[in-house]
Protein backbone atom coordinates (compact mmCIF):
# COMPACT_ATOMS: atom_id res chain seq x y z
CA MET A 1 2.02 -23.62 7.30
CA SER A 2 3.74 -27.00 7.00
CA LEU A 3 6.03 -27.26 4.29
CA MET A 4 3.73 -29.48 1.31
CA ARG A 5 4.52 -29.63 -1.90
CA ILE A 6 0.76 -28.78 -4.25
CA SER A 7 1.82 -29.70 -7.46
CA ASN A 8 4.38 -31.03 -9.61
CA ASN A 9 6.86 -28.42 -9.75
CA VAL A 10 4.51 -26.25 -7.12
CA TYR A 11 5.51 -26.28 -2.77
CA SER A 12 3.73 -24.04 -0.34
CA VAL A 13 6.14 -22.34 1.87
CA GLY A 14 4.36 -20.50 4.23
CA VAL A 15 3.73 -19.86 7.94
CA MET A 16 0.56 -21.15 9.95
CA ALA A 17 -0.70 -18.82 12.24
CA PRO A 18 -3.59 -19.56 14.33
CA LEU A 19 -2.79 -17.25 17.36
CA VAL A 20 -4.08 -14.46 15.32
CA ARG A 21 -7.40 -12.86 16.56
CA LYS A 22 -6.49 -9.41 13.94
CA GLU A 23 -5.61 -8.26 11.15
CA GLU A 24 -5.23 -4.84 9.83
CA LEU A 25 -6.87 -2.92 12.82
CA ILE A 26 -10.05 -4.13 10.88
CA LYS A 27 -10.35 -7.80 10.27
CA ALA A 28 -10.95 -9.73 13.04
CA CYS A 29 -9.84 -13.66 12.28
CA PRO A 30 -12.05 -15.86 14.94
CA TYR A 31 -10.52 -18.71 13.51
CA GLY A 32 -6.40 -17.58 13.40
CA THR A 33 -5.19 -17.02 9.57
CA SER A 34 -1.66 -18.45 7.95
CA TYR A 35 0.48 -16.23 5.89
CA ASN A 36 1.26 -18.00 2.14
CA SER A 37 4.46 -17.96 0.31
CA TYR A 38 4.97 -20.44 -2.44
CA PHE A 39 7.84 -21.49 -4.77
CA ILE A 40 8.05 -22.82 -7.86
CA ASP A 41 10.89 -24.99 -9.26
CA ASP A 42 11.81 -25.04 -12.37
CA ARG A 43 15.16 -24.38 -14.50
CA LYS A 44 14.62 -21.47 -12.90
CA THR A 45 13.06 -20.34 -9.32
CA ALA A 46 10.37 -18.94 -7.67
CA VAL A 47 9.09 -17.35 -4.85
CA ILE A 48 5.56 -16.41 -5.09
CA ASP A 49 3.71 -14.08 -2.09
CA MET A 50 5.60 -12.77 1.12
CA VAL A 51 5.58 -13.55 4.77
CA TYR A 52 4.91 -11.05 7.19
CA GLY A 53 7.79 -10.33 8.72
CA GLU A 54 7.84 -11.36 12.84
CA TYR A 55 7.35 -15.13 10.97
CA PHE A 56 10.50 -14.89 8.30
CA ASP A 57 12.60 -17.29 10.21
CA ASP A 58 9.56 -20.17 9.08
CA PHE A 59 9.40 -18.83 6.18
CA LEU A 60 13.16 -19.46 5.30
CA TYR A 61 13.23 -22.39 7.72
CA ASN A 62 10.79 -24.08 4.93
CA LEU A 63 12.39 -22.49 1.68
CA GLY A 64 15.48 -23.99 2.49
CA LEU A 65 13.83 -28.08 2.69
CA VAL A 66 13.84 -27.83 -1.24
CA ALA A 67 15.49 -24.78 -2.61
CA ASP A 68 19.20 -23.05 -2.86
CA ILE A 69 17.89 -19.70 -1.20
CA GLY A 70 20.25 -18.33 -1.58
CA ALA A 71 19.92 -18.72 -6.09
CA VAL A 72 16.11 -18.17 -6.39
CA ASP A 73 15.73 -15.85 -9.31
CA TYR A 74 12.58 -14.33 -8.88
CA LEU A 75 10.39 -13.14 -5.90
CA ILE A 76 6.54 -12.84 -7.56
CA LEU A 77 4.23 -10.15 -5.68
CA ASN A 78 0.67 -10.37 -6.10
CA ARG A 79 0.47 -7.67 -3.58
CA ILE A 80 2.09 -4.97 -1.28
CA ARG A 81 2.10 -5.31 2.37
CA PRO A 82 4.40 -2.76 4.83
CA GLN A 83 4.36 -6.13 7.15
CA HIS A 84 5.89 -7.74 4.48
CA SER A 85 9.01 -4.80 4.60
CA GLU A 86 10.86 -6.57 7.35
CA SER A 87 10.85 -9.88 5.20
CA LEU A 88 11.65 -8.12 1.37
CA LYS A 89 14.55 -6.57 3.46
CA ARG A 90 15.88 -10.24 4.91
CA PHE A 91 15.51 -11.89 1.84
CA LEU A 92 17.18 -10.12 -0.19
CA GLU A 93 19.74 -9.99 2.06
CA VAL A 94 20.32 -13.85 2.11
CA SER A 95 19.69 -13.66 -2.16
CA PRO A 96 20.73 -10.60 -3.31
CA LYS A 97 20.49 -11.50 -7.18
CA THR A 98 16.32 -11.98 -7.55
CA VAL A 99 14.85 -10.14 -8.85
CA ILE A 100 10.90 -8.36 -7.89
CA VAL A 101 8.28 -9.29 -10.86
CA CYS A 102 5.17 -6.79 -9.54
CA SER A 103 2.82 -4.38 -11.43
CA ALA A 104 3.57 -0.78 -11.63
CA LEU A 105 2.23 0.88 -9.17
CA ALA A 106 3.36 -1.60 -6.53
CA LYS A 107 7.26 -0.87 -7.50
CA ASP A 108 5.86 2.54 -6.73
CA LEU A 109 5.17 1.21 -3.19
CA LEU A 110 8.17 -1.26 -3.19
CA ASP A 111 10.75 1.81 -3.19
CA ASN A 112 9.40 2.98 -0.19
CA ILE A 113 9.67 -0.24 1.76
CA ILE A 114 13.13 -1.24 0.41
CA ASN A 115 14.69 2.27 0.49
CA LYS A 116 17.49 1.04 -1.78
CA PRO A 117 18.36 -0.27 -5.12
CA TYR A 118 17.14 -3.76 -6.20
CA ASN A 119 15.82 -5.71 -9.04
CA CYS A 120 13.00 -5.21 -10.28
CA VAL A 121 10.54 -6.10 -13.68
CA VAL A 122 7.32 -4.70 -13.49
CA VAL A 123 4.48 -6.73 -15.66
CA ASN A 124 1.39 -5.58 -17.00
CA ASN A 125 -2.17 -7.38 -17.43
CA GLY A 126 -1.36 -10.46 -19.54
CA ASP A 127 2.54 -10.77 -19.93
CA LYS A 128 4.23 -14.01 -19.42
CA LEU A 129 6.88 -15.10 -17.23
CA LYS A 130 8.80 -18.07 -18.67
CA LEU A 131 11.19 -20.08 -15.91
CA GLY A 132 12.03 -22.99 -17.59
CA VAL A 133 8.46 -25.26 -18.87
CA SER A 134 7.12 -23.53 -16.27
CA VAL A 135 5.62 -20.62 -18.07
CA LEU A 136 3.23 -18.04 -15.66
CA GLU A 137 0.52 -15.26 -16.72
CA PHE A 138 0.09 -12.29 -15.02
CA VAL A 139 -3.45 -10.91 -13.92
CA VAL A 140 -3.97 -7.56 -12.77
CA GLN A 141 -6.66 -6.73 -10.83
CA GLU A 142 -7.90 -3.77 -12.30
CA GLY A 143 -9.91 -1.70 -9.93
CA ILE A 144 -9.82 -3.42 -6.49
CA ALA A 145 -6.49 -3.04 -5.63
CA PRO A 146 -4.35 -0.41 -7.12
CA ASP A 147 -0.96 -2.82 -7.13
CA ALA A 148 -2.18 -6.36 -6.93
CA MET A 149 -2.47 -9.33 -8.96
CA CYS A 150 -3.20 -12.85 -9.83
CA THR A 151 -0.03 -15.33 -11.30
CA TYR A 152 -1.34 -18.08 -13.59
CA PHE A 153 0.67 -20.79 -13.36
CA GLU A 154 -0.45 -22.79 -17.00
CA ASN A 155 1.47 -25.78 -16.63
CA ASP A 156 0.31 -26.80 -13.23
CA CYS A 157 -3.10 -25.14 -13.20
CA VAL A 158 -2.05 -23.43 -9.99
CA LEU A 159 -3.70 -20.01 -9.96
CA PHE A 160 -1.96 -18.03 -7.40
CA SER A 161 -4.30 -15.23 -6.22
CA GLY A 162 -3.60 -12.51 -4.17
CA ASN A 163 -6.00 -11.38 -1.76
CA ILE A 164 -8.85 -12.82 -4.01
CA PHE A 165 -9.98 -15.81 -2.48
CA SER A 166 -8.65 -15.39 0.56
CA THR A 167 -9.49 -16.45 4.25
CA ASP A 168 -8.45 -15.58 7.77
CA PHE A 169 -8.58 -18.74 8.98
CA CYS A 170 -6.39 -21.54 9.60
CA GLU A 171 -6.13 -25.68 10.00
CA PRO A 172 -3.72 -28.59 10.33
CA LYS A 173 -3.75 -29.30 6.40
CA VAL A 174 -2.65 -27.12 3.70
CA THR A 175 -5.64 -27.84 1.49
CA ASP A 176 -8.83 -27.94 2.05
CA GLN A 177 -8.52 -31.61 0.57
CA GLU A 178 -9.13 -32.83 4.26
CA LEU A 179 -10.73 -29.41 5.24
CA ILE A 180 -12.08 -30.49 9.07
CA PHE A 181 -14.73 -26.74 9.55
CA GLU A 182 -16.10 -26.62 6.10
CA LYS A 183 -18.99 -23.99 7.13
CA GLU A 184 -16.06 -21.59 9.31
CA PHE A 185 -14.43 -22.61 5.92
CA MET A 186 -17.28 -20.10 3.94
CA THR A 187 -18.07 -18.24 6.74
CA GLU A 188 -14.71 -16.68 6.63
CA LEU A 189 -14.68 -16.61 2.75
CA SER A 190 -17.92 -14.37 2.94
CA ASP A 191 -16.27 -12.12 5.63
CA TYR A 192 -12.75 -11.75 3.94
CA TYR A 193 -14.93 -11.11 0.42
CA SER A 194 -17.12 -8.23 2.43
CA CYS A 195 -14.28 -6.36 4.69
CA TYR A 196 -12.22 -5.80 1.12
CA PHE A 197 -14.44 -6.50 -1.66
CA SER A 198 -17.72 -5.55 -1.23
CA HIS A 199 -17.50 -2.24 -2.05
CA CYS A 200 -15.90 -3.35 -5.62
CA LYS A 201 -18.34 -5.62 -6.81
CA GLY A 202 -18.26 -5.29 -10.40
CA ALA A 203 -14.44 -4.82 -10.41
CA VAL A 204 -13.78 -8.33 -8.48
CA ASN A 205 -16.54 -10.24 -11.40
CA GLY A 206 -14.95 -8.59 -14.13
CA LEU A 207 -12.27 -10.11 -12.89
CA LEU A 208 -14.19 -13.26 -12.34
CA GLU A 209 -14.68 -13.42 -15.78
CA SER A 210 -11.09 -13.03 -16.91
CA LEU A 211 -10.30 -16.10 -15.21
CA ALA A 212 -13.15 -18.13 -16.65
CA GLN A 213 -11.12 -18.60 -19.44
CA LYS A 214 -8.31 -20.46 -17.77
CA GLN A 215 -8.11 -23.97 -16.28
CA ILE A 216 -8.17 -23.72 -12.49
CA TYR A 217 -6.63 -26.93 -10.49
CA TYR A 218 -6.01 -25.63 -6.82
CA ILE A 219 -6.45 -21.78 -5.99
CA ALA A 220 -3.56 -20.88 -3.85
CA PRO A 221 -3.94 -17.18 -2.03
CA ALA A 222 -2.18 -15.18 -0.05
CA LYS A 223 -4.48 -16.49 3.06
CA GLY A 224 -6.07 -19.57 3.69
CA VAL A 225 -6.11 -23.37 2.78
CA VAL A 226 -5.14 -24.02 -0.69
CA VAL A 227 -8.23 -24.44 -2.66
CA ALA A 228 -8.62 -27.91 -4.35
CA ASP A 229 -11.08 -30.05 -3.81
CA ARG A 230 -13.47 -26.98 -3.93
CA VAL A 231 -12.40 -24.62 -6.32
CA ASP A 232 -15.89 -25.32 -8.75
CA VAL A 233 -17.08 -23.65 -4.59
CA VAL A 234 -15.26 -21.38 -4.34
CA VAL A 235 -15.69 -18.87 -8.07
CA GLU A 236 -19.81 -19.53 -7.35
CA LYS A 237 -19.75 -18.56 -3.88
CA TYR A 238 -17.43 -15.52 -5.28
CA LYS A 239 -20.39 -15.03 -7.64
CA SER A 240 -23.14 -14.77 -5.25
CA LEU A 241 -21.25 -12.03 -3.26
CA GLY A 242 -20.83 -10.62 -5.92
CA LYS A 243 -24.20 -10.21 -7.40
CA ALA A 244 -26.37 -6.85 -7.04
CA GLU A 245 -30.06 -5.94 -6.35
CA ASN A 246 -32.20 -6.39 -8.33
CA THR A 247 -33.61 -2.86 -7.12
CA PRO A 248 -32.30 0.68 -6.43
CA GLY A 249 -31.97 0.45 -2.09
CA ALA A 250 -30.84 3.49 -0.33
CA VAL A 251 -28.92 4.37 3.02
CA VAL A 252 -29.62 7.13 5.31
CA LEU A 253 -27.28 6.79 8.30
CA TYR A 254 -27.11 9.50 11.08
CA ALA A 255 -26.88 10.20 15.40
CA SER A 256 -28.02 12.68 16.76
CA ALA A 257 -27.41 13.90 20.22
CA SER A 258 -30.86 15.26 20.95
CA GLY A 259 -33.70 14.59 18.42
CA CYS A 260 -32.80 17.13 15.21
CA THR A 261 -30.65 15.70 13.06
CA GLU A 262 -32.77 12.34 13.60
CA ALA A 263 -35.31 14.62 12.38
CA LEU A 264 -33.54 15.02 8.98
CA ALA A 265 -31.98 11.33 8.79
CA LYS A 266 -36.63 9.94 8.38
CA GLY A 267 -37.57 13.16 5.86
CA ALA A 268 -34.60 11.74 3.57
CA LYS A 269 -36.28 8.24 4.12
CA GLU A 270 -39.66 9.79 3.90
CA ALA A 271 -38.44 11.19 0.40
CA PHE A 272 -36.68 7.84 -0.75
CA ASP A 273 -39.93 5.83 0.40
CA GLU A 274 -42.36 8.31 -1.59
CA LYS A 275 -40.53 7.00 -5.10
CA ASN A 276 -39.98 4.28 -4.39
CA ILE A 277 -36.61 2.81 -3.30
CA LYS A 278 -36.01 0.28 -0.54
CA THR A 279 -34.06 2.65 2.20
CA LEU A 280 -32.35 1.28 5.12
CA LEU A 281 -32.59 3.88 8.30
CA LEU A 282 -29.48 3.44 10.32
CA ASP A 283 -28.15 4.75 13.76
CA MET A 284 -24.55 5.02 14.08
CA SER A 285 -24.87 4.98 17.94
CA VAL A 286 -26.51 2.14 17.59
CA SER A 287 -26.14 0.34 14.88
CA THR A 288 -22.22 -1.43 14.37
CA ALA A 289 -19.84 -0.47 12.71
CA ALA A 290 -19.78 -3.43 10.39
CA GLU A 291 -23.39 -3.61 9.62
CA CYS A 292 -22.68 0.84 8.15
CA LYS A 293 -19.95 -0.17 6.40
CA LYS A 294 -22.12 -2.90 4.67
CA ALA A 295 -25.32 -0.74 4.60
CA VAL A 296 -22.91 1.81 2.42
CA ASP A 297 -20.91 -1.14 0.43
CA THR A 298 -23.89 -2.69 -1.12
CA ALA A 299 -26.85 0.95 -1.11
CA ASP A 300 -27.19 2.78 -4.42
CA TYR A 301 -27.85 5.98 -2.59
CA ILE A 302 -25.98 7.26 0.46
CA ALA A 303 -27.35 9.97 2.61
CA VAL A 304 -25.44 10.51 5.44
CA GLY A 305 -26.21 12.75 8.72
CA SER A 306 -24.33 13.83 12.12
CA CYS A 307 -25.07 16.70 14.80
CA THR A 308 -21.73 19.03 15.71
CA VAL A 309 -20.67 17.48 19.09
CA HIS A 310 -17.50 20.70 20.06
CA ASN A 311 -16.21 21.18 16.41
CA ASN A 312 -16.07 17.40 15.46
CA LEU A 313 -18.20 14.25 14.92
CA PRO A 314 -18.99 12.00 17.78
CA ALA A 315 -16.82 9.44 18.55
CA CYS A 316 -19.73 6.60 17.22
CA VAL A 317 -19.97 8.17 13.79
CA TRP A 318 -15.83 8.30 13.90
CA ASN A 319 -16.20 4.59 14.78
CA ALA A 320 -18.66 3.56 12.00
CA LEU A 321 -16.47 5.60 9.42
CA SER A 322 -13.77 3.97 10.72
CA GLU A 323 -14.78 0.87 9.41
CA ILE A 324 -16.41 2.34 5.39
CA ASN A 325 -13.10 2.41 2.96
CA GLY A 326 -11.88 1.49 0.00
CA VAL A 327 -13.14 3.06 -3.40
CA HIS A 328 -16.94 4.00 -4.14
CA SER A 329 -16.50 6.11 -7.38
CA GLY A 330 -20.01 6.42 -9.31
CA LYS A 331 -22.32 6.19 -6.20
CA ARG A 332 -23.54 9.53 -5.33
CA PHE A 333 -25.06 11.32 -1.96
CA PHE A 334 -25.14 14.18 -0.22
CA ALA A 335 -24.56 15.04 3.83
CA PHE A 336 -26.98 17.25 6.10
CA GLY A 337 -26.79 17.23 10.13
CA SER A 338 -28.88 20.04 12.28
CA TYR A 339 -25.79 21.75 15.47
CA GLY A 340 -26.45 24.49 17.92
CA TRP A 341 -22.77 27.03 17.68
CA SER A 342 -20.86 25.71 14.37
CA GLY A 343 -22.02 22.73 12.21
CA GLU A 344 -18.98 21.42 10.97
CA GLY A 345 -20.37 17.93 11.48
CA ALA A 346 -22.62 17.62 8.09
CA ASP A 347 -18.90 19.22 6.54
CA LEU A 348 -16.92 16.84 7.42
CA LEU A 349 -19.22 13.87 6.50
CA ASN A 350 -19.27 15.24 3.20
CA ASP A 351 -15.43 15.56 2.57
CA LYS A 352 -15.24 11.66 4.20
CA PHE A 353 -18.02 10.64 1.67
CA ALA A 354 -16.02 12.71 -1.12
CA LYS A 355 -12.64 11.44 -0.29
CA LEU A 356 -14.02 7.62 -1.04
CA GLY A 357 -14.79 8.86 -4.95
CA MET A 358 -18.08 9.22 -4.41
CA THR A 359 -20.27 12.67 -5.76
CA SER A 360 -21.51 14.72 -4.02
CA VAL A 361 -25.11 15.96 -4.93
CA CYS A 362 -25.20 19.27 -3.28
CA ASN A 363 -24.08 21.33 -0.57
CA PRO A 364 -24.71 19.50 2.98
CA VAL A 365 -27.94 21.07 3.55
CA LYS A 366 -28.14 22.17 8.01
CA CYS A 367 -30.19 22.96 9.89
CA ARG A 368 -29.81 24.85 13.36
CA MET A 369 -31.31 23.05 16.27
CA VAL A 370 -34.82 22.07 15.06
CA PRO A 371 -35.32 21.87 11.72
CA THR A 372 -38.29 23.91 10.23
CA GLN A 373 -40.91 22.25 7.36
CA THR A 374 -38.35 24.79 4.26
CA GLU A 375 -35.63 22.95 6.00
CA LEU A 376 -37.16 18.99 5.73
CA ASN A 377 -38.00 20.48 2.21
CA SER A 378 -34.78 20.91 1.82
CA ILE A 379 -33.96 17.50 2.28
CA LYS A 380 -36.28 16.33 0.23
CA GLN A 381 -35.02 18.23 -2.93
CA ALA A 382 -31.62 17.41 -1.60
CA VAL A 383 -33.07 13.11 -2.68
CA ASP A 384 -34.77 14.47 -5.76
CA GLU A 385 -31.15 15.28 -7.08
CA LEU A 386 -29.52 12.00 -5.61
CA LEU A 387 -32.24 10.43 -7.67
CA ASN A 388 -32.43 12.47 -10.72
CA THR A 389 -28.14 13.31 -10.99
């Protein structure tokens, strides 16, 4: 990202990365991305957010044009990534007296990144830091990411939002004031939300409510363009993405090698239909991993089943599970599956979804080979437990 003055005291000193096409192995970047960092110039100075290691030299050049690099007072980290480790270590080498400001859980991660003594101040939600005339307020992103926070700059009404409002999107200009591809930008805003926040809509909505009390003229995210002309548009887009369905919905995910697990899946869908629950039936061997993730993120009730192949789940199921991430606390599910010899598939699914924070309403429903009517009745009973627990 080119050096640019954003407001009276704030400069963008991050780096553009237009050739990046994938992030963290899970997020496509068809329009490139950027690794944003910002500098606040006051009696005391602060850098907000850090770039990935391979872009540190470009970041340091940008920062050196507006700051005394060796005398930066604070480095404020709204989020922590392993990819920041090289940059963090190199920055503290050139500015060893800099005090890092972060959340308590971020401090735990930093200890295992920096691996040597460093100056750090842990902040809580609502804490403030005065740089001189400038006042920064910290807003912890509770329920969204354990280590993450936003930083609000009261004087210039700038929200340094971290991952919130970020996009994997790169244009020649730093801000959206001369945005060329507006449609693509809005698409990436939605895709970023879907990838990282669709499983925690309630927490994101709560954060938006708390930020609604603040005057925001600029949104300065960790990635993507700085939003100046479209602040209201971007906030309203997040609100629309966070709206829940008016009626409860269910998803039945399955993978079936011979049709036996499919019979159980169809039995589950019929049971949901009988209860007038809108239900999506997805075959993990056909549907994309992204489709499976979206279905799980948006569903109120989840039934997931698989056959067992060589004491394991088939590759298509592991592929779908790799996309289903985040913490889904409060959601309920049950696992099921047909097998020939050992039957680990349903148990592996049960363990995986439990580790996502969901609650299993019953033991996995299993059948050996072709399901009997009794076993199909067990699927219906599991649906009843799911809806009534």
